[in-house]
Amino acid sequence: MSYTVKLVKYGEYVSLLHEGSLEESEVLNSHQDVRDALAANNWTKILIDISQIKIKPSIAQQYNFICGHATQLPWDVRIALLVNTADMEMACFVETLAHNRGMNLWCFCKKDEGLMWLLSDKGYPNRDSLQRQSSCTSELLLESCKPE
């Protein structure tokens, strides 16, 4: 696996792109790099793109990914997680884990929608006027991920 951490000055957020397979040691390294970038800039927004991961993470890896972020990031961090449409079931699970851990994390298939939410002051995304708080239903997410 490889990952790239970028600082995006316009919007003041950290962008984390994961590619390849998901190795636990690399996930831990990426957590540290993101934490360092947030702290150095006093930012609270992260865009995580896992849409290019080839080997899908196991439930244990998803749990560790969320728990790692939940315990090591500041409480007010907002995270937009980009996934591909085929992974929306996994995204529902990840969202639920994150919300149960008190995180402000939402999943998106479209980068522009994720960025729009991340840079806004909304607490949760508005997906085609269907407002949902912590309940994730595949039908709503899949509807929001249809190609235009």
N, C-alpha and C. Protein backbone atom coordinates (compact mmCIF):
# COMPACT_ATOMS: atom_id res chain seq x y z
N MET A 1 0.84 -1.17 0.00
CA MET A 1 0.00 0.00 0.00
C MET A 1 0.88 1.23 0.00
N SER A 2 0.35 2.28 -0.50
CA SER A 2 1.03 3.56 -0.39
C SER A 2 -0.01 4.61 -0.02
N TYR A 3 0.48 5.67 0.56
CA TYR A 3 -0.43 6.76 0.89
C TYR A 3 0.29 8.07 0.66
N THR A 4 -0.51 9.11 0.44
CA THR A 4 0.00 10.44 0.22
C THR A 4 -0.77 11.40 1.11
N VAL A 5 -0.05 12.22 1.83
CA VAL A 5 -0.66 13.26 2.66
C VAL A 5 -0.33 14.60 2.03
N LYS A 6 -1.38 15.40 1.78
CA LYS A 6 -1.20 16.73 1.20
C LYS A 6 -1.88 17.76 2.08
N LEU A 7 -1.27 18.91 2.18
CA LEU A 7 -1.88 20.05 2.87
C LEU A 7 -2.55 20.92 1.81
N VAL A 8 -3.83 21.17 1.98
CA VAL A 8 -4.57 21.99 1.03
C VAL A 8 -4.86 23.32 1.73
N LYS A 9 -4.09 24.33 1.35
CA LYS A 9 -4.19 25.62 2.03
C LYS A 9 -5.56 26.25 1.81
N TYR A 10 -6.08 26.19 0.57
CA TYR A 10 -7.42 26.73 0.32
C TYR A 10 -8.42 25.72 0.87
N GLY A 11 -9.09 26.07 1.90
CA GLY A 11 -10.01 25.16 2.58
C GLY A 11 -9.44 24.65 3.88
N GLU A 12 -8.15 24.81 4.05
CA GLU A 12 -7.46 24.40 5.27
C GLU A 12 -7.81 22.99 5.71
N TYR A 13 -7.47 22.02 4.86
CA TYR A 13 -7.70 20.63 5.23
C TYR A 13 -6.52 19.77 4.81
N VAL A 14 -6.46 18.59 5.41
CA VAL A 14 -5.43 17.61 5.08
C VAL A 14 -6.08 16.57 4.19
N SER A 15 -5.43 16.26 3.08
CA SER A 15 -5.91 15.24 2.16
C SER A 15 -5.04 13.99 2.31
N LEU A 16 -5.70 12.86 2.53
CA LEU A 16 -4.99 11.58 2.68
C LEU A 16 -5.51 10.63 1.62
N LEU A 17 -4.63 10.20 0.73
CA LEU A 17 -4.99 9.28 -0.35
C LEU A 17 -4.32 7.94 -0.09
N HIS A 18 -5.13 6.88 0.04
CA HIS A 18 -4.62 5.51 0.17
C HIS A 18 -4.76 4.82 -1.17
N GLU A 19 -3.73 4.08 -1.57
CA GLU A 19 -3.76 3.31 -2.81
C GLU A 19 -3.21 1.91 -2.56
N GLY A 20 -3.60 0.97 -3.41
CA GLY A 20 -3.11 -0.39 -3.27
C GLY A 20 -3.88 -1.17 -2.24
N SER A 21 -3.18 -1.96 -1.42
CA SER A 21 -3.83 -2.74 -0.37
C SER A 21 -3.68 -1.98 0.95
N LEU A 22 -4.39 -2.45 1.95
CA LEU A 22 -4.40 -1.75 3.23
C LEU A 22 -3.59 -2.54 4.25
N GLU A 23 -2.38 -2.07 4.55
CA GLU A 23 -1.51 -2.71 5.53
C GLU A 23 -1.62 -1.94 6.84
N GLU A 24 -1.73 -2.66 7.95
CA GLU A 24 -1.95 -2.00 9.24
C GLU A 24 -0.82 -1.04 9.60
N SER A 25 0.42 -1.41 9.31
CA SER A 25 1.55 -0.53 9.65
C SER A 25 1.47 0.78 8.87
N GLU A 26 1.05 0.71 7.61
CA GLU A 26 0.92 1.92 6.81
C GLU A 26 -0.23 2.79 7.31
N VAL A 27 -1.31 2.16 7.76
CA VAL A 27 -2.44 2.91 8.31
C VAL A 27 -1.98 3.67 9.54
N LEU A 28 -1.22 3.01 10.42
CA LEU A 28 -0.71 3.67 11.62
C LEU A 28 0.21 4.84 11.26
N ASN A 29 1.06 4.64 10.25
CA ASN A 29 1.95 5.71 9.80
C ASN A 29 1.15 6.89 9.24
N SER A 30 0.09 6.57 8.48
CA SER A 30 -0.72 7.65 7.90
C SER A 30 -1.45 8.41 8.99
N HIS A 31 -1.91 7.71 10.05
CA HIS A 31 -2.55 8.39 11.19
C HIS A 31 -1.59 9.42 11.79
N GLN A 32 -0.35 9.00 12.00
CA GLN A 32 0.64 9.90 12.60
C GLN A 32 0.91 11.10 11.70
N ASP A 33 1.06 10.86 10.41
CA ASP A 33 1.34 11.95 9.47
C ASP A 33 0.17 12.94 9.43
N VAL A 34 -1.06 12.43 9.45
CA VAL A 34 -2.23 13.31 9.44
C VAL A 34 -2.31 14.10 10.74
N ARG A 35 -2.11 13.44 11.86
CA ARG A 35 -2.11 14.14 13.16
C ARG A 35 -1.08 15.25 13.19
N ASP A 36 0.12 14.96 12.70
CA ASP A 36 1.18 15.96 12.68
C ASP A 36 0.80 17.15 11.80
N ALA A 37 0.21 16.87 10.64
CA ALA A 37 -0.19 17.94 9.71
C ALA A 37 -1.30 18.80 10.32
N LEU A 38 -2.28 18.16 10.96
CA LEU A 38 -3.35 18.92 11.61
C LEU A 38 -2.80 19.81 12.71
N ALA A 39 -1.95 19.23 13.56
CA ALA A 39 -1.41 19.97 14.70
C ALA A 39 -0.52 21.13 14.24
N ALA A 40 0.29 20.90 13.22
CA ALA A 40 1.21 21.94 12.75
C ALA A 40 0.47 23.14 12.18
N ASN A 41 -0.73 22.89 11.64
CA ASN A 41 -1.48 23.97 11.00
C ASN A 41 -2.71 24.41 11.79
N ASN A 42 -2.96 23.74 12.91
CA ASN A 42 -4.15 24.03 13.72
C ASN A 42 -5.44 23.89 12.90
N TRP A 43 -5.52 22.82 12.10
CA TRP A 43 -6.68 22.54 11.25
C TRP A 43 -7.51 21.43 11.86
N THR A 44 -8.75 21.29 11.38
CA THR A 44 -9.65 20.27 11.92
C THR A 44 -10.41 19.52 10.83
N LYS A 45 -9.91 19.56 9.59
CA LYS A 45 -10.64 18.90 8.50
C LYS A 45 -9.72 17.93 7.75
N ILE A 46 -10.28 16.74 7.45
CA ILE A 46 -9.53 15.71 6.73
C ILE A 46 -10.39 15.15 5.60
N LEU A 47 -9.80 15.03 4.44
CA LEU A 47 -10.42 14.32 3.31
C LEU A 47 -9.61 13.04 3.12
N ILE A 48 -10.24 11.89 3.37
CA ILE A 48 -9.57 10.60 3.21
C ILE A 48 -10.15 9.91 1.98
N ASP A 49 -9.30 9.57 1.04
CA ASP A 49 -9.74 8.90 -0.19
C ASP A 49 -9.24 7.46 -0.18
N ILE A 50 -10.17 6.52 -0.01
CA ILE A 50 -9.83 5.09 -0.07
C ILE A 50 -10.48 4.43 -1.28
N SER A 51 -10.91 5.24 -2.24
CA SER A 51 -11.61 4.70 -3.41
C SER A 51 -10.70 3.89 -4.33
N GLN A 52 -9.39 4.02 -4.17
CA GLN A 52 -8.45 3.30 -5.03
C GLN A 52 -7.85 2.05 -4.39
N ILE A 53 -8.33 1.71 -3.20
CA ILE A 53 -7.80 0.51 -2.54
C ILE A 53 -8.27 -0.72 -3.29
N LYS A 54 -7.31 -1.60 -3.63
CA LYS A 54 -7.62 -2.78 -4.42
C LYS A 54 -8.12 -3.93 -3.57
N ILE A 55 -7.51 -4.14 -2.44
CA ILE A 55 -7.92 -5.22 -1.54
C ILE A 55 -8.74 -4.59 -0.44
N LYS A 56 -9.98 -5.00 -0.33
CA LYS A 56 -10.88 -4.37 0.63
C LYS A 56 -10.51 -4.76 2.05
N PRO A 57 -10.57 -3.79 2.95
CA PRO A 57 -10.20 -4.07 4.34
C PRO A 57 -11.21 -4.99 5.03
N SER A 58 -10.70 -5.81 5.92
CA SER A 58 -11.57 -6.69 6.71
C SER A 58 -12.31 -5.85 7.74
N ILE A 59 -13.28 -6.46 8.39
CA ILE A 59 -14.02 -5.76 9.44
C ILE A 59 -13.06 -5.33 10.55
N ALA A 60 -12.11 -6.20 10.90
CA ALA A 60 -11.14 -5.85 11.94
C ALA A 60 -10.30 -4.64 11.51
N GLN A 61 -9.89 -4.59 10.24
CA GLN A 61 -9.11 -3.46 9.75
C GLN A 61 -9.93 -2.18 9.76
N GLN A 62 -11.21 -2.28 9.38
CA GLN A 62 -12.08 -1.11 9.41
C GLN A 62 -12.22 -0.60 10.84
N TYR A 63 -12.42 -1.52 11.75
CA TYR A 63 -12.57 -1.16 13.16
C TYR A 63 -11.29 -0.48 13.67
N ASN A 64 -10.14 -1.06 13.36
CA ASN A 64 -8.86 -0.48 13.80
C ASN A 64 -8.62 0.89 13.18
N PHE A 65 -9.01 1.05 11.92
CA PHE A 65 -8.86 2.32 11.21
C PHE A 65 -9.64 3.42 11.94
N ILE A 66 -10.89 3.14 12.26
CA ILE A 66 -11.74 4.11 12.95
C ILE A 66 -11.26 4.33 14.38
N CYS A 67 -10.99 3.27 15.09
CA CYS A 67 -10.55 3.42 16.49
C CYS A 67 -9.24 4.19 16.57
N GLY A 68 -8.36 3.97 15.63
CA GLY A 68 -7.10 4.70 15.60
C GLY A 68 -7.33 6.19 15.43
N HIS A 69 -8.20 6.54 14.50
CA HIS A 69 -8.51 7.96 14.30
C HIS A 69 -9.26 8.53 15.50
N ALA A 70 -10.22 7.76 16.03
CA ALA A 70 -11.06 8.27 17.13
C ALA A 70 -10.26 8.56 18.39
N THR A 71 -9.27 7.73 18.66
CA THR A 71 -8.51 7.91 19.90
C THR A 71 -7.33 8.86 19.75
N GLN A 72 -6.90 9.11 18.52
CA GLN A 72 -5.67 9.89 18.34
C GLN A 72 -5.88 11.26 17.71
N LEU A 73 -7.08 11.55 17.28
CA LEU A 73 -7.34 12.85 16.66
C LEU A 73 -8.10 13.75 17.63
N PRO A 74 -7.99 15.05 17.46
CA PRO A 74 -8.77 15.96 18.29
C PRO A 74 -10.27 15.69 18.14
N TRP A 75 -11.03 15.99 19.17
CA TRP A 75 -12.46 15.67 19.20
C TRP A 75 -13.25 16.42 18.13
N ASP A 76 -12.78 17.59 17.67
CA ASP A 76 -13.56 18.41 16.74
C ASP A 76 -13.20 18.20 15.28
N VAL A 77 -12.48 17.15 14.96
CA VAL A 77 -12.08 16.88 13.58
C VAL A 77 -13.28 16.43 12.75
N ARG A 78 -13.37 16.97 11.53
CA ARG A 78 -14.39 16.57 10.56
C ARG A 78 -13.69 15.74 9.48
N ILE A 79 -14.27 14.59 9.14
CA ILE A 79 -13.65 13.71 8.15
C ILE A 79 -14.65 13.37 7.06
N ALA A 80 -14.25 13.63 5.81
CA ALA A 80 -15.01 13.18 4.63
C ALA A 80 -14.24 11.99 4.07
N LEU A 81 -14.89 10.84 4.00
CA LEU A 81 -14.27 9.60 3.53
C LEU A 81 -14.80 9.29 2.14
N LEU A 82 -13.91 9.26 1.15
CA LEU A 82 -14.31 8.97 -0.22
C LEU A 82 -14.13 7.49 -0.50
N VAL A 83 -15.21 6.86 -0.98
CA VAL A 83 -15.19 5.45 -1.34
C VAL A 83 -15.79 5.31 -2.74
N ASN A 84 -15.57 4.16 -3.37
CA ASN A 84 -16.24 3.97 -4.66
C ASN A 84 -17.61 3.34 -4.42
N THR A 85 -18.46 3.43 -5.41
CA THR A 85 -19.85 3.00 -5.28
C THR A 85 -19.98 1.55 -4.84
N ALA A 86 -19.09 0.71 -5.30
CA ALA A 86 -19.16 -0.72 -4.96
C ALA A 86 -18.92 -0.98 -3.47
N ASP A 87 -18.36 -0.01 -2.79
CA ASP A 87 -18.01 -0.19 -1.38
C ASP A 87 -18.96 0.51 -0.41
N MET A 88 -20.16 0.82 -0.84
CA MET A 88 -21.06 1.57 0.02
C MET A 88 -21.52 0.77 1.24
N GLU A 89 -21.62 -0.54 1.13
CA GLU A 89 -21.96 -1.34 2.32
C GLU A 89 -20.88 -1.19 3.38
N MET A 90 -19.62 -1.24 2.95
CA MET A 90 -18.51 -1.04 3.87
C MET A 90 -18.58 0.37 4.45
N ALA A 91 -18.93 1.34 3.62
CA ALA A 91 -19.00 2.73 4.07
C ALA A 91 -20.05 2.90 5.16
N CYS A 92 -21.17 2.21 5.02
CA CYS A 92 -22.22 2.28 6.05
C CYS A 92 -21.68 1.79 7.39
N PHE A 93 -20.94 0.69 7.35
CA PHE A 93 -20.36 0.14 8.57
C PHE A 93 -19.36 1.11 9.18
N VAL A 94 -18.51 1.68 8.34
CA VAL A 94 -17.49 2.62 8.81
C VAL A 94 -18.16 3.86 9.42
N GLU A 95 -19.19 4.39 8.76
CA GLU A 95 -19.91 5.54 9.31
C GLU A 95 -20.49 5.22 10.67
N THR A 96 -21.12 4.06 10.78
CA THR A 96 -21.73 3.67 12.04
C THR A 96 -20.68 3.55 13.15
N LEU A 97 -19.57 2.90 12.83
CA LEU A 97 -18.47 2.81 13.81
C LEU A 97 -18.02 4.19 14.25
N ALA A 98 -17.81 5.06 13.28
CA ALA A 98 -17.32 6.40 13.58
C ALA A 98 -18.31 7.18 14.44
N HIS A 99 -19.58 7.11 14.09
CA HIS A 99 -20.59 7.84 14.86
C HIS A 99 -20.69 7.29 16.28
N ASN A 100 -20.57 5.97 16.42
CA ASN A 100 -20.60 5.36 17.75
C ASN A 100 -19.39 5.78 18.58
N ARG A 101 -18.31 6.15 17.93
CA ARG A 101 -17.10 6.62 18.61
C ARG A 101 -17.11 8.13 18.80
N GLY A 102 -18.20 8.78 18.41
CA GLY A 102 -18.31 10.23 18.58
C GLY A 102 -17.61 11.05 17.52
N MET A 103 -17.30 10.43 16.38
CA MET A 103 -16.60 11.13 15.32
C MET A 103 -17.58 11.77 14.34
N ASN A 104 -17.15 12.87 13.74
CA ASN A 104 -17.92 13.54 12.71
C ASN A 104 -17.35 13.10 11.36
N LEU A 105 -17.71 11.90 10.94
CA LEU A 105 -17.22 11.29 9.71
C LEU A 105 -18.40 10.90 8.86
N TRP A 106 -18.33 11.27 7.57
CA TRP A 106 -19.37 10.90 6.61
C TRP A 106 -18.70 10.38 5.35
N CYS A 107 -19.35 9.43 4.68
CA CYS A 107 -18.82 8.81 3.47
C CYS A 107 -19.47 9.41 2.23
N PHE A 108 -18.68 9.50 1.18
CA PHE A 108 -19.13 10.06 -0.08
C PHE A 108 -18.52 9.28 -1.24
N CYS A 109 -19.24 9.23 -2.36
CA CYS A 109 -18.70 8.64 -3.59
C CYS A 109 -18.12 9.71 -4.50
N LYS A 110 -18.60 10.91 -4.35
CA LYS A 110 -18.17 12.01 -5.22
C LYS A 110 -17.33 12.99 -4.41
N LYS A 111 -16.15 13.26 -4.93
CA LYS A 111 -15.22 14.13 -4.22
C LYS A 111 -15.81 15.52 -4.00
N ASP A 112 -16.50 16.06 -5.01
CA ASP A 112 -17.03 17.41 -4.85
C ASP A 112 -18.07 17.49 -3.74
N GLU A 113 -18.89 16.43 -3.59
CA GLU A 113 -19.87 16.43 -2.50
C GLU A 113 -19.19 16.33 -1.14
N GLY A 114 -18.16 15.49 -1.07
CA GLY A 114 -17.42 15.36 0.17
C GLY A 114 -16.74 16.67 0.57
N LEU A 115 -16.14 17.33 -0.41
CA LEU A 115 -15.49 18.61 -0.12
C LEU A 115 -16.50 19.69 0.25
N MET A 116 -17.65 19.68 -0.42
CA MET A 116 -18.67 20.68 -0.12
C MET A 116 -19.10 20.55 1.35
N TRP A 117 -19.32 19.31 1.80
CA TRP A 117 -19.69 19.11 3.20
C TRP A 117 -18.53 19.47 4.13
N LEU A 118 -17.32 19.01 3.79
CA LEU A 118 -16.16 19.22 4.65
C LEU A 118 -15.91 20.71 4.88
N LEU A 119 -16.07 21.51 3.85
CA LEU A 119 -15.77 22.93 3.94
C LEU A 119 -16.96 23.76 4.45
N SER A 120 -18.10 23.12 4.62
CA SER A 120 -19.28 23.83 5.12
C SER A 120 -19.29 23.78 6.65
N ASP A 121 -20.32 24.37 7.22
CA ASP A 121 -20.46 24.29 8.68
C ASP A 121 -21.61 23.38 9.07
N LYS A 122 -22.09 22.57 8.11
CA LYS A 122 -23.18 21.65 8.40
C LYS A 122 -22.68 20.49 9.25
N GLY A 123 -23.53 20.04 10.15
CA GLY A 123 -23.16 18.91 11.00
C GLY A 123 -23.23 17.58 10.27
N TYR A 124 -24.13 17.47 9.31
CA TYR A 124 -24.26 16.24 8.54
C TYR A 124 -24.63 16.61 7.12
N PRO A 125 -24.32 15.74 6.16
CA PRO A 125 -24.57 16.08 4.76
C PRO A 125 -26.05 16.01 4.41
N ASN A 126 -26.43 16.78 3.42
CA ASN A 126 -27.78 16.76 2.88
C ASN A 126 -27.69 16.00 1.56
N ARG A 127 -28.20 14.81 1.53
CA ARG A 127 -28.15 14.00 0.31
C ARG A 127 -29.51 14.03 -0.36
N ASP A 128 -29.63 14.86 -1.39
CA ASP A 128 -30.89 15.01 -2.14
C ASP A 128 -32.06 15.30 -1.21
N SER A 129 -31.84 16.19 -0.26
CA SER A 129 -32.87 16.60 0.70
C SER A 129 -33.31 15.48 1.62
N LEU A 130 -32.65 14.34 1.59
CA LEU A 130 -32.97 13.25 2.51
C LEU A 130 -31.97 13.37 3.66
N GLN A 131 -32.38 14.01 4.72
CA GLN A 131 -31.45 14.24 5.81
C GLN A 131 -31.45 13.05 6.74
N ARG A 132 -30.30 12.57 7.02
CA ARG A 132 -30.15 11.45 7.93
C ARG A 132 -29.05 11.81 8.89
N GLN A 133 -29.21 11.40 10.08
CA GLN A 133 -28.18 11.74 11.05
C GLN A 133 -27.23 10.57 11.17
N SER A 134 -27.46 9.66 12.07
CA SER A 134 -26.48 8.59 12.23
C SER A 134 -26.93 7.27 11.63
N SER A 135 -28.10 7.22 11.00
CA SER A 135 -28.53 5.96 10.41
C SER A 135 -28.11 5.91 8.96
N CYS A 136 -27.41 4.89 8.59
CA CYS A 136 -26.89 4.75 7.24
C CYS A 136 -27.68 3.69 6.52
N THR A 137 -28.33 4.04 5.43
CA THR A 137 -29.02 3.04 4.63
C THR A 137 -28.39 3.00 3.25
N SER A 138 -28.13 1.82 2.77
CA SER A 138 -27.45 1.65 1.49
C SER A 138 -28.20 2.32 0.36
N GLU A 139 -29.53 2.26 0.39
CA GLU A 139 -30.31 2.82 -0.70
C GLU A 139 -30.08 4.32 -0.83
N LEU A 140 -30.05 5.03 0.31
CA LEU A 140 -29.81 6.47 0.26
C LEU A 140 -28.42 6.78 -0.26
N LEU A 141 -27.44 6.05 0.22
CA LEU A 141 -26.07 6.31 -0.22
C LEU A 141 -25.89 5.96 -1.69
N LEU A 142 -26.43 4.83 -2.10
CA LEU A 142 -26.30 4.45 -3.51
C LEU A 142 -26.99 5.45 -4.41
N GLU A 143 -28.12 5.97 -3.98
CA GLU A 143 -28.84 6.99 -4.75
C GLU A 143 -27.96 8.22 -4.92
N SER A 144 -27.25 8.60 -3.87
CA SER A 144 -26.41 9.80 -3.93
C SER A 144 -25.15 9.56 -4.74
N CYS A 145 -24.82 8.31 -5.04
CA CYS A 145 -23.59 7.99 -5.77
C CYS A 145 -23.82 7.69 -7.24
N LYS A 146 -25.06 7.79 -7.71
CA LYS A 146 -25.33 7.51 -9.12
C LYS A 146 -24.58 8.50 -9.98
N PRO A 147 -24.00 8.02 -11.07
CA PRO A 147 -23.30 8.94 -11.97
C PRO A 147 -24.27 9.94 -12.58
N GLU A 148 -23.78 11.12 -12.84
CA GLU A 148 -24.64 12.17 -13.41
C GLU A 148 -24.70 12.06 -14.90
